[in-house]
C-alpha atoms as a PDB file:
ATOM      1  CA  MET A   1      25.413   2.486 -11.329  1.00  0.00           C
ATOM      2  CA  THR A   2      24.179   0.301  -8.560  1.00  0.00           C
ATOM      3  CA  LEU A   3      20.437   0.570  -8.614  1.00  0.00           C
ATOM      4  CA  PRO A   4      18.342   1.161  -4.974  1.00  0.00           C
ATOM      5  CA  ARG A   5      16.723  -1.678  -3.412  1.00  0.00           C
ATOM      6  CA  LEU A   6      13.030  -0.725  -3.651  1.00  0.00           C
ATOM      7  CA  GLY A   7       9.814  -1.312  -1.617  1.00  0.00           C
ATOM      8  CA  PHE A   8       6.162  -1.102  -2.998  1.00  0.00           C
ATOM      9  CA  LEU A   9       3.332  -0.689  -1.156  1.00  0.00           C
ATOM     10  CA  GLY A  10      -0.291  -1.051  -3.028  1.00  0.00           C
ATOM     11  CA  ILE A  11      -0.467  -3.091  -6.345  1.00  0.00           C
ATOM     12  CA  GLY A  12      -3.805  -1.701  -7.344  1.00  0.00           C
ATOM     13  CA  ILE A  13      -4.249  -1.159 -11.474  1.00  0.00           C
ATOM     14  CA  MET A  14      -1.597   1.350 -11.442  1.00  0.00           C
ATOM     15  CA  GLY A  15       0.829   0.141  -8.851  1.00  0.00           C
ATOM     16  CA  LYS A  16       0.748  -3.459 -10.678  1.00  0.00           C
ATOM     17  CA  GLU A  17       1.569  -1.959 -13.922  1.00  0.00           C
ATOM     18  CA  MET A  18       4.873   0.400 -12.216  1.00  0.00           C
ATOM     19  CA  VAL A  19       6.354  -2.548 -10.273  1.00  0.00           C
ATOM     20  CA  LEU A  20       6.133  -4.918 -13.572  1.00  0.00           C
ATOM     21  CA  ARG A  21       8.506  -1.264 -15.261  1.00  0.00           C
ATOM     22  CA  LEU A  22      10.171  -0.962 -12.323  1.00  0.00           C
ATOM     23  CA  LEU A  23      11.301  -4.825 -12.652  1.00  0.00           C
ATOM     24  CA  GLU A  24      12.077  -4.729 -16.373  1.00  0.00           C
ATOM     25  CA  ARG A  25      14.197  -1.569 -15.751  1.00  0.00           C
ATOM     26  CA  GLY A  26      16.431  -3.855 -13.689  1.00  0.00           C
ATOM     27  CA  PHE A  27      14.735  -2.919  -9.878  1.00  0.00           C
ATOM     28  CA  THR A  28      14.633  -5.382  -6.836  1.00  0.00           C
ATOM     29  CA  VAL A  29      11.358  -4.885  -5.266  1.00  0.00           C
ATOM     30  CA  THR A  30       9.746  -5.868  -2.141  1.00  0.00           C
ATOM     31  CA  VAL A  31       6.207  -5.282  -2.330  1.00  0.00           C
ATOM     32  CA  TRP A  32       2.617  -5.264   0.001  1.00  0.00           C
ATOM     33  CA  ASN A  33      -0.820  -4.899  -0.771  1.00  0.00           C
ATOM     34  CA  LEU A  34      -3.727  -4.954   2.101  1.00  0.00           C
ATOM     35  CA  GLU A  35      -5.413  -7.509  -0.476  1.00  0.00           C
ATOM     36  CA  PRO A  36      -2.621 -10.114  -0.748  1.00  0.00           C
ATOM     37  CA  GLU A  37      -4.720 -12.232  -3.866  1.00  0.00           C
ATOM     38  CA  ARG A  38      -3.197  -9.686  -5.912  1.00  0.00           C
ATOM     39  CA  LEU A  39       0.728  -9.822  -4.977  1.00  0.00           C
ATOM     40  CA  PRO A  40       0.765 -12.892  -7.664  1.00  0.00           C
ATOM     41  CA  LEU A  41       0.492 -10.044 -10.151  1.00  0.00           C
ATOM     42  CA  VAL A  42       4.065  -9.367  -9.861  1.00  0.00           C
ATOM     43  CA  THR A  43       5.756 -11.739  -7.516  1.00  0.00           C
ATOM     44  CA  GLU A  44       5.165 -14.553 -10.472  1.00  0.00           C
ATOM     45  CA  GLN A  45       7.695 -11.952 -12.643  1.00  0.00           C
ATOM     46  CA  GLY A  46       9.911 -10.994 -10.032  1.00  0.00           C
ATOM     47  CA  ALA A  47       9.116  -9.418  -7.102  1.00  0.00           C
ATOM     48  CA  GLU A  48       9.103 -10.543  -3.759  1.00  0.00           C
ATOM     49  CA  ALA A  49       6.713 -10.171  -1.350  1.00  0.00           C
ATOM     50  CA  ALA A  50       6.606  -8.912   2.630  1.00  0.00           C
ATOM     51  CA  PRO A  51       4.444  -9.597   5.372  1.00  0.00           C
ATOM     52  CA  CYS A  52       3.723  -6.449   6.289  1.00  0.00           C
ATOM     53  CA  PRO A  53       4.505  -2.339   5.127  1.00  0.00           C
ATOM     54  CA  ALA A  54       7.127  -2.120   7.981  1.00  0.00           C
ATOM     55  CA  GLU A  55       9.130  -5.255   6.138  1.00  0.00           C
ATOM     56  CA  VAL A  56       8.840  -3.959   3.041  1.00  0.00           C
ATOM     57  CA  ALA A  57      10.621  -0.994   4.860  1.00  0.00           C
ATOM     58  CA  ARG A  58      13.040  -3.149   6.299  1.00  0.00           C
ATOM     59  CA  ARG A  59      14.017  -4.866   2.862  1.00  0.00           C
ATOM     60  CA  CYS A  60      14.697  -1.031   0.690  1.00  0.00           C
ATOM     61  CA  ASP A  61      16.401   1.910   0.128  1.00  0.00           C
ATOM     62  CA  ILE A  62      13.687   3.894  -1.105  1.00  0.00           C
ATOM     63  CA  LEU A  63       9.801   2.956  -0.529  1.00  0.00           C
ATOM     64  CA  CYS A  64       6.860   3.774  -2.759  1.00  0.00           C
ATOM     65  CA  LEU A  65       3.401   4.049  -2.269  1.00  0.00           C
ATOM     66  CA  CYS A  66       0.387   3.592  -4.790  1.00  0.00           C
ATOM     67  CA  VAL A  67      -2.553   3.489  -2.302  1.00  0.00           C
ATOM     68  CA  LEU A  68      -6.158   4.844  -2.817  1.00  0.00           C
ATOM     69  CA  HIS A  69      -6.079   8.046   0.000  1.00  0.00           C
ATOM     70  CA  ALA A  70      -4.622   9.821   2.395  1.00  0.00           C
ATOM     71  CA  ALA A  71      -6.053   7.262   5.161  1.00  0.00           C
ATOM     72  CA  ALA A  72      -4.183   4.606   3.012  1.00  0.00           C
ATOM     73  CA  VAL A  73      -1.235   6.075   3.348  1.00  0.00           C
ATOM     74  CA  GLU A  74      -1.118   6.956   7.052  1.00  0.00           C
ATOM     75  CA  ASN A  75      -2.113   3.282   7.745  1.00  0.00           C
ATOM     76  CA  CYS A  76       0.648   2.183   5.756  1.00  0.00           C
ATOM     77  CA  CYS A  77       3.394   4.639   8.084  1.00  0.00           C
ATOM     78  CA  PHE A  78       1.370   4.356  11.288  1.00  0.00           C
ATOM     79  CA  GLY A  79      -0.696   1.636  11.242  1.00  0.00           C
ATOM     80  CA  PRO A  80      -0.101  -1.761  12.799  1.00  0.00           C
ATOM     81  CA  HIS A  81       3.615  -3.061  11.307  1.00  0.00           C
ATOM     82  CA  GLY A  82       3.797   0.265   9.353  1.00  0.00           C
ATOM     83  CA  VAL A  83       6.824   2.036   8.425  1.00  0.00           C
ATOM     84  CA  ALA A  84       7.340   4.180  11.480  1.00  0.00           C
ATOM     85  CA  GLN A  85       8.629   0.697  13.419  1.00  0.00           C
ATOM     86  CA  VAL A  86      11.837   0.845  11.058  1.00  0.00           C
ATOM     87  CA  PRO A  87      14.410   3.655  11.262  1.00  0.00           C
ATOM     88  CA  GLY A  88      14.605   5.233   8.060  1.00  0.00           C
ATOM     89  CA  GLU A  89      17.545   7.594   8.446  1.00  0.00           C
ATOM     90  CA  GLY A  90      19.521   8.238   4.863  1.00  0.00           C
ATOM     91  CA  ARG A  91      16.068   6.456   3.397  1.00  0.00           C
ATOM     92  CA  LEU A  92      13.262   7.915   1.029  1.00  0.00           C
ATOM     93  CA  VAL A  93       9.585   7.669   0.779  1.00  0.00           C
ATOM     94  CA  ILE A  94       8.300   8.259  -2.555  1.00  0.00           C
ATOM     95  CA  ASP A  95       4.635   8.520  -2.712  1.00  0.00           C
ATOM     96  CA  PHE A  96       2.799   8.147  -6.123  1.00  0.00           C
ATOM     97  CA  SER A  97      -0.463   8.416  -4.403  1.00  0.00           C
ATOM     98  CA  THR A  98      -2.629  11.249  -4.934  1.00  0.00           C
ATOM     99  CA  VAL A  99      -3.980  12.953  -1.386  1.00  0.00           C
ATOM    100  CA  ASN A 100      -4.571  16.408  -0.145  1.00  0.00           C
ATOM    101  CA  PRO A 101      -1.286  17.953  -0.134  1.00  0.00           C
ATOM    102  CA  ASP A 102      -1.821  19.386   3.366  1.00  0.00           C
ATOM    103  CA  ASP A 103      -2.293  15.665   4.196  1.00  0.00           C
ATOM    104  CA  THR A 104       0.592  14.705   2.844  1.00  0.00           C
ATOM    105  CA  ARG A 105       2.979  17.517   4.750  1.00  0.00           C
ATOM    106  CA  ARG A 106       1.223  16.241   8.159  1.00  0.00           C
ATOM    107  CA  ILE A 107       2.058  12.280   7.243  1.00  0.00           C
ATOM    108  CA  ALA A 108       5.515  13.292   5.972  1.00  0.00           C
ATOM    109  CA  GLN A 109       6.278  15.699   8.859  1.00  0.00           C
ATOM    110  CA  ARG A 110       5.054  12.893  11.249  1.00  0.00           C
ATOM    111  CA  LEU A 111       7.189  10.267   9.773  1.00  0.00           C
ATOM    112  CA  ALA A 112      10.265  11.842   9.976  1.00  0.00           C
ATOM    113  CA  ARG A 113       9.630  12.888  13.385  1.00  0.00           C
ATOM    114  CA  GLU A 114       9.018   9.428  14.491  1.00  0.00           C
ATOM    115  CA  ALA A 115      11.400   7.581  12.298  1.00  0.00           C
ATOM    116  CA  GLY A 116      13.815   9.882  10.342  1.00  0.00           C
ATOM    117  CA  TRP A 117      11.999   8.999   6.791  1.00  0.00           C
ATOM    118  CA  ARG A 118      12.738  11.358   3.630  1.00  0.00           C
ATOM    119  CA  TRP A 119       9.787  12.322   1.806  1.00  0.00           C
ATOM    120  CA  LEU A 120       8.477  12.598  -1.651  1.00  0.00           C
ATOM    121  CA  ASP A 121       5.002  13.751  -2.793  1.00  0.00           C
ATOM    122  CA  ALA A 122       5.312  12.623  -6.736  1.00  0.00           C
ATOM    123  CA  PRO A 123       1.541  11.882  -8.050  1.00  0.00           C
ATOM    124  CA  VAL A 124       1.083  11.013 -11.313  1.00  0.00           C
ATOM    125  CA  SER A 125      -1.485  10.995 -14.198  1.00  0.00           C
ATOM    126  CA  GLY A 126      -0.937   8.933 -17.588  1.00  0.00           C
ATOM    127  CA  GLY A 127      -3.075   5.756 -16.942  1.00  0.00           C
ATOM    128  CA  PRO A 128      -1.740   1.964 -16.407  1.00  0.00           C
ATOM    129  CA  ALA A 129      -0.828   1.474 -20.218  1.00  0.00           C
ATOM    130  CA  VAL A 130       1.105   4.644 -19.804  1.00  0.00           C
ATOM    131  CA  ALA A 131       3.134   3.736 -16.414  1.00  0.00           C
ATOM    132  CA  ARG A 132       3.941   0.695 -18.303  1.00  0.00           C
ATOM    133  CA  GLU A 133       5.606   2.215 -20.746  1.00  0.00           C
ATOM    134  CA  GLY A 134       7.296   4.394 -18.415  1.00  0.00           C
ATOM    135  CA  LYS A 135       5.578   7.691 -20.010  1.00  0.00           C
ATOM    136  CA  LEU A 136       3.795   9.020 -17.243  1.00  0.00           C
ATOM    137  CA  ALA A 137       3.841  13.094 -16.236  1.00  0.00           C
ATOM    138  CA  ILE A 138       4.991  12.982 -12.493  1.00  0.00           C
ATOM    139  CA  MET A 139       4.495  16.082 -10.310  1.00  0.00           C
ATOM    140  CA  VAL A 140       7.123  16.131  -7.593  1.00  0.00           C
ATOM    141  CA  GLY A 141       7.276  17.979  -4.673  1.00  0.00           C
ATOM    142  CA  GLY A 142      10.003  17.918  -2.006  1.00  0.00           C
ATOM    143  CA  GLU A 143      13.940  19.323  -1.508  1.00  0.00           C
ATOM    144  CA  ALA A 144      16.122  18.770  -4.255  1.00  0.00           C
ATOM    145  CA  GLU A 145      18.593  16.665  -2.972  1.00  0.00           C
ATOM    146  CA  ASP A 146      15.604  14.342  -2.175  1.00  0.00           C
ATOM    147  CA  VAL A 147      14.458  14.292  -6.014  1.00  0.00           C
ATOM    148  CA  ALA A 148      18.303  14.044  -7.298  1.00  0.00           C
ATOM    149  CA  ARG A 149      18.235  10.692  -5.190  1.00  0.00           C
ATOM    150  CA  ALA A 150      14.968   9.435  -6.702  1.00  0.00           C
ATOM    151  CA  ARG A 151      15.780  10.244 -10.065  1.00  0.00           C
ATOM    152  CA  PRO A 152      16.379   6.597 -11.093  1.00  0.00           C
ATOM    153  CA  VAL A 153      13.082   5.743 -10.056  1.00  0.00           C
ATOM    154  CA  LEU A 154      11.284   8.533 -11.718  1.00  0.00           C
ATOM    155  CA  ASP A 155      13.305   8.129 -14.610  1.00  0.00           C
ATOM    156  CA  ALA A 156      12.066   4.966 -15.257  1.00  0.00           C
ATOM    157  CA  LEU A 157       8.156   5.479 -14.731  1.00  0.00           C
ATOM    158  CA  GLY A 158       8.087   8.901 -16.098  1.00  0.00           C
ATOM    159  CA  ALA A 159       8.829  10.573 -19.032  1.00  0.00           C
ATOM    160  CA  ASN A 160       7.800  14.333 -17.857  1.00  0.00           C
ATOM    161  CA  VAL A 161       9.076  14.086 -14.292  1.00  0.00           C
ATOM    162  CA  THR A 162       8.865  17.978 -12.882  1.00  0.00           C
ATOM    163  CA  HIS A 163       9.972  18.549  -9.224  1.00  0.00           C
ATOM    164  CA  MET A 164       6.885  21.438  -8.678  1.00  0.00           C
ATOM    165  CA  GLY A 165       8.567  22.629  -5.223  1.00  0.00           C
ATOM    166  CA  PRO A 166       8.697  21.728  -1.704  1.00  0.00           C
ATOM    167  CA  LEU A 167       7.075  19.128   0.055  1.00  0.00           C
ATOM    168  CA  GLY A 168       3.178  19.370  -0.894  1.00  0.00           C
ATOM    169  CA  ALA A 169       3.699  21.086  -4.324  1.00  0.00           C
ATOM    170  CA  GLY A 170       3.299  17.870  -6.782  1.00  0.00           C
ATOM    171  CA  GLN A 171       0.224  17.002  -4.715  1.00  0.00           C
ATOM    172  CA  THR A 172      -1.355  20.435  -5.456  1.00  0.00           C
ATOM    173  CA  ALA A 173       0.095  20.250  -9.173  1.00  0.00           C
ATOM    174  CA  LYS A 174      -1.956  16.758  -8.855  1.00  0.00           C
ATOM    175  CA  ILE A 175      -5.478  18.506  -7.906  1.00  0.00           C
ATOM    176  CA  ALA A 176      -4.955  20.863 -11.259  1.00  0.00           C
ATOM    177  CA  ASN A 177      -4.474  18.142 -13.103  1.00  0.00           C
ATOM    178  CA  GLN A 178      -7.739  16.569 -11.713  1.00  0.00           C
ATOM    179  CA  ALA A 179      -9.669  19.164 -11.720  1.00  0.00           C
ATOM    180  CA  ILE A 180      -9.235  18.976 -15.612  1.00  0.00           C
ATOM    181  CA  VAL A 181      -9.424  15.264 -16.115  1.00  0.00           C
ATOM    182  CA  GLY A 182     -12.615  15.021 -13.612  1.00  0.00           C
ATOM    183  CA  VAL A 183     -14.404  18.333 -15.839  1.00  0.00           C
ATOM    184  CA  GLY A 184     -12.837  16.144 -19.265  1.00  0.00           C
ATOM    185  CA  TYR A 185     -14.793  13.077 -18.442  1.00  0.00           C
ATOM    186  CA  LEU A 186     -18.004  14.776 -17.927  1.00  0.00           C
ATOM    187  CA  LEU A 187     -17.841  16.763 -20.936  1.00  0.00           C
ATOM    188  CA  MET A 188     -16.985  14.124 -23.000  1.00  0.00           C
ATOM    189  CA  ALA A 189     -20.040  12.195 -22.619  1.00  0.00           C
ATOM    190  CA  GLU A 190     -21.954  15.000 -22.779  1.00  0.00           C
ATOM    191  CA  VAL A 191     -20.570  15.495 -26.254  1.00  0.00           C
ATOM    192  CA  LEU A 192     -21.036  11.767 -26.762  1.00  0.00           C
ATOM    193  CA  ALA A 193     -24.721  12.512 -26.006  1.00  0.00           C
ATOM    194  CA  LEU A 194     -24.730  15.349 -28.241  1.00  0.00           C
ATOM    195  CA  VAL A 195     -23.027  13.758 -31.931  1.00  0.00           C
ATOM    196  CA  GLU A 196     -25.359  10.511 -30.821  1.00  0.00           C
ATOM    197  CA  LYS A 197     -28.391  12.316 -30.416  1.00  0.00           C
ATOM    198  CA  ALA A 198     -27.593  14.659 -33.853  1.00  0.00           C
ATOM    199  CA  GLY A 199     -26.413  11.336 -35.745  1.00  0.00           C
ATOM    200  CA  LEU A 200     -23.133  11.819 -36.414  1.00  0.00           C
ATOM    201  CA  ASP A 201     -21.078   8.809 -36.345  1.00  0.00           C
ATOM    202  CA  ALA A 202     -19.228   9.808 -32.796  1.00  0.00           C
ATOM    203  CA  ALA A 203     -16.169   7.569 -33.817  1.00  0.00           C
ATOM    204  CA  LEU A 204     -14.629   9.920 -36.543  1.00  0.00           C
ATOM    205  CA  LEU A 205     -14.941  13.305 -34.193  1.00  0.00           C
ATOM    206  CA  PRO A 206     -11.394  12.251 -32.666  1.00  0.00           C
ATOM    207  CA  LYS A 207     -10.062  12.718 -36.267  1.00  0.00           C
ATOM    208  CA  ALA A 208     -12.229  15.018 -37.059  1.00  0.00           C
ATOM    209  CA  LEU A 209     -10.649  16.921 -34.394  1.00  0.00           C
ATOM    210  CA  ALA A 210      -7.136  16.213 -34.420  1.00  0.00           C
ATOM    211  CA  GLY A 211      -4.854  18.820 -34.082  1.00  0.00           C
ATOM    212  CA  GLY A 212      -7.304  21.480 -33.397  1.00  0.00           C
ATOM    213  CA  MET A 213      -8.188  23.536 -30.310  1.00  0.00           C
ATOM    214  CA  ALA A 214     -10.224  20.949 -29.134  1.00  0.00           C
ATOM    215  CA  ASP A 215      -7.778  17.936 -29.107  1.00  0.00           C
ATOM    216  CA  SER A 216      -6.621  16.476 -26.390  1.00  0.00           C
ATOM    217  CA  THR A 217      -5.587  12.973 -24.634  1.00  0.00           C
ATOM    218  CA  ILE A 218      -9.333  13.136 -23.194  1.00  0.00           C
ATOM    219  CA  LEU A 219     -10.464  13.168 -26.652  1.00  0.00           C
ATOM    220  CA  GLN A 220      -8.530  10.797 -27.660  1.00  0.00           C
ATOM    221  CA  ARG A 221      -8.291   7.846 -25.553  1.00  0.00           C
ATOM    222  CA  ILE A 222     -11.465   8.819 -23.108  1.00  0.00           C
ATOM    223  CA  PHE A 223     -14.062   9.633 -25.993  1.00  0.00           C
ATOM    224  CA  PRO A 224     -13.685   7.045 -28.055  1.00  0.00           C
ATOM    225  CA  GLN A 225     -13.695   4.287 -24.987  1.00  0.00           C
ATOM    226  CA  GLN A 226     -17.117   5.876 -24.196  1.00  0.00           C
ATOM    227  CA  GLN A 227     -18.230   5.527 -27.948  1.00  0.00           C
ATOM    228  CA  ARG A 228     -16.956   2.000 -27.415  1.00  0.00           C
ATOM    229  CA  ARG A 229     -19.078   1.496 -24.346  1.00  0.00           C
ATOM    230  CA  ASP A 230     -15.218  -0.443 -23.542  1.00  0.00           C
ATOM    231  CA  PHE A 231     -15.765  -0.098 -19.873  1.00  0.00           C
ATOM    232  CA  GLU A 232     -14.694  -4.141 -19.025  1.00  0.00           C
ATOM    233  CA  PRO A 233     -12.340  -4.551 -17.097  1.00  0.00           C
ATOM    234  CA  PRO A 234     -12.065  -1.468 -15.558  1.00  0.00           C
ATOM    235  CA  ARG A 235      -9.054   0.788 -16.306  1.00  0.00           C
ATOM    236  CA  ALA A 236      -9.388   3.238 -13.039  1.00  0.00           C
ATOM    237  CA  TYR A 237     -12.357   2.197 -10.769  1.00  0.00           C
ATOM    238  CA  ALA A 238     -14.961   5.233 -10.661  1.00  0.00           C
ATOM    239  CA  ARG A 239     -14.421   5.863  -6.682  1.00  0.00           C
ATOM    240  CA  GLN A 240     -10.639   7.183  -7.491  1.00  0.00           C
ATOM    241  CA  LEU A 241     -11.597   9.866  -9.498  1.00  0.00           C
ATOM    242  CA  ASP A 242     -14.839  10.753  -7.636  1.00  0.00           C
ATOM    243  CA  LYS A 243     -12.440  10.727  -4.153  1.00  0.00           C
ATOM    244  CA  ASP A 244     -10.074  12.815  -6.229  1.00  0.00           C
ATOM    245  CA  LEU A 245     -12.601  15.181  -7.300  1.00  0.00           C
ATOM    246  CA  LEU A 246     -14.048  16.264  -4.153  1.00  0.00           C
ATOM    247  CA  ASN A 247      -9.969  16.059  -2.801  1.00  0.00           C
ATOM    248  CA  VAL A 248     -10.496  19.298  -5.636  1.00  0.00           C
ATOM    249  CA  ARG A 249     -13.444  20.885  -4.025  1.00  0.00           C
ATOM    250  CA  ALA A 250     -12.414  20.744  -0.572  1.00  0.00           C
ATOM    251  CA  PHE A 251      -9.284  22.268  -1.526  1.00  0.00           C
ATOM    252  CA  ALA A 252     -10.674  25.212  -3.555  1.00  0.00           C
ATOM    253  CA  HIS A 253     -12.969  26.056  -0.546  1.00  0.00           C
ATOM    254  CA  GLY A 254      -9.860  25.772   1.569  1.00  0.00           C
ATOM    255  CA  LEU A 255      -8.873  28.865  -0.920  1.00  0.00           C
ATOM    256  CA  GLY A 256     -11.593  30.518  -0.203  1.00  0.00           C
ATOM    257  CA  LEU A 257     -12.074  29.619  -3.743  1.00  0.00           C
ATOM    258  CA  HIS A 258     -15.941  28.705  -5.385  1.00  0.00           C
ATOM    259  CA  LEU A 259     -15.444  27.282  -8.901  1.00  0.00           C
ATOM    260  CA  PRO A 260     -19.052  26.450 -10.637  1.00  0.00           C
ATOM    261  CA  LEU A 261     -17.459  24.499 -13.208  1.00  0.00           C
ATOM    262  CA  VAL A 262     -15.780  21.947 -10.727  1.00  0.00           C
ATOM    263  CA  GLU A 263     -18.597  22.452  -8.293  1.00  0.00           C
ATOM    264  CA  LEU A 264     -20.947  20.663 -11.063  1.00  0.00           C
ATOM    265  CA  ALA A 265     -18.548  17.963 -12.403  1.00  0.00           C
ATOM    266  CA  VAL A 266     -18.105  16.949  -9.055  1.00  0.00           C
ATOM    267  CA  ALA A 267     -21.455  16.575  -7.853  1.00  0.00           C
ATOM    268  CA  ARG A 268     -22.313  15.071 -11.206  1.00  0.00           C
ATOM    269  CA  TYR A 269     -19.325  12.162 -10.644  1.00  0.00           C
ATOM    270  CA  HIS A 270     -20.440  12.016  -7.296  1.00  0.00           C
ATOM    271  CA  ALA A 271     -23.968  10.928  -7.935  1.00  0.00           C
ATOM    272  CA  PHE A 272     -22.702   7.927 -10.533  1.00  0.00           C
ATOM    273  CA  ALA A 273     -19.652   7.155  -8.054  1.00  0.00           C
ATOM    274  CA  SER A 274     -21.819   6.672  -5.148  1.00  0.00           C
ATOM    275  CA  VAL A 275     -23.762   3.649  -6.816  1.00  0.00           C
ATOM    276  CA  ASN A 276     -21.031   2.400  -9.046  1.00  0.00           C
ATOM    277  CA  PRO A 277     -17.388   2.714  -7.115  1.00  0.00           C
ATOM    278  CA  MET A 278     -15.761  -0.036  -9.313  1.00  0.00           C
ATOM    279  CA  ALA A 279     -17.072   1.030 -12.143  1.00  0.00           C
ATOM    280  CA  ASP A 280     -14.359   2.093 -15.228  1.00  0.00           C
ATOM    281  CA  ALA A 281     -13.883   5.493 -14.644  1.00  0.00           C
ATOM    282  CA  ALA A 282     -14.862   6.519 -18.085  1.00  0.00           C
ATOM    283  CA  SER A 283     -18.100   4.688 -17.899  1.00  0.00           C
ATOM    284  CA  VAL A 284     -19.899   8.249 -16.492  1.00  0.00           C
ATOM    285  CA  SER A 285     -21.190   8.298 -20.049  1.00  0.00           C
ATOM    286  CA  ARG A 286     -23.959   5.943 -18.882  1.00  0.00           C
ATOM    287  CA  LEU A 287     -25.739   8.790 -17.045  1.00  0.00           C
ATOM    288  CA  TYR A 288     -26.360  10.176 -20.359  1.00  0.00           C
ATOM    289  CA  GLU A 289     -27.474   6.786 -22.670  1.00  0.00           C
ATOM    290  CA  GLY A 290     -31.114   7.949 -22.123  1.00  0.00           C
ATOM    291  CA  GLU A 291     -30.194  11.355 -23.958  1.00  0.00           C
ATOM    292  CA  SER A 292     -28.320   9.586 -26.932  1.00  0.00           C
END
């Protein structure tokens, strides 16, 4: 099977690992990043650099994005030297970024109208190490024919790829994911403060609870990281989870919902991330160090 030529916009913590995985799987990948100093992280492994999103778009059959927020997606598409300058008939965007479903639909529909590009929203969950192993969970929104066309890329990156429904459905599923993750990070921090204050060996807790009702990936991965105070280098930035939690709250409000637990988590995490935007997302546990 001939693999599609790929473009990739966004060589952040996640994007870097995704590109390296795609290169290992035999794809040709052309890349761009807003901060060009990050490009050698992937070009030294075989990716080709381009000077702007439009040039990446010219060189690919499928264009992937993994950027911080909707404004960044919009800038890649419609900013100076953006994707919209390149005719996209017969070509596809896969957006791995996490953005609001309404923004996804608005951007995708505008790009289709102005330049003919097809669009899948395909936010991911699992973190950089999981991306490198090709074991991400990927929630996809869009047309079935586009999902089928994107399968070689999705299957190279994900162990669990689910077509959730039409455009925006993947981002809606990611909102649910981020609600669980965001509340979970804070819950792990509070449990850590609790068990340390009580005098337990906190390092034993994930093993003790494994297989029980309280077990989870967050317990097995994030709690030990918080217990070890293992935050350098950051695995994910606090600003990213903060952005996602604010998005969860806004989406819930748009549905006319007030979710008290989510509201508390959003406020608590935002208080931390506002002064520690580039800290590891799990280091929110520092809020509780005085308690333990």
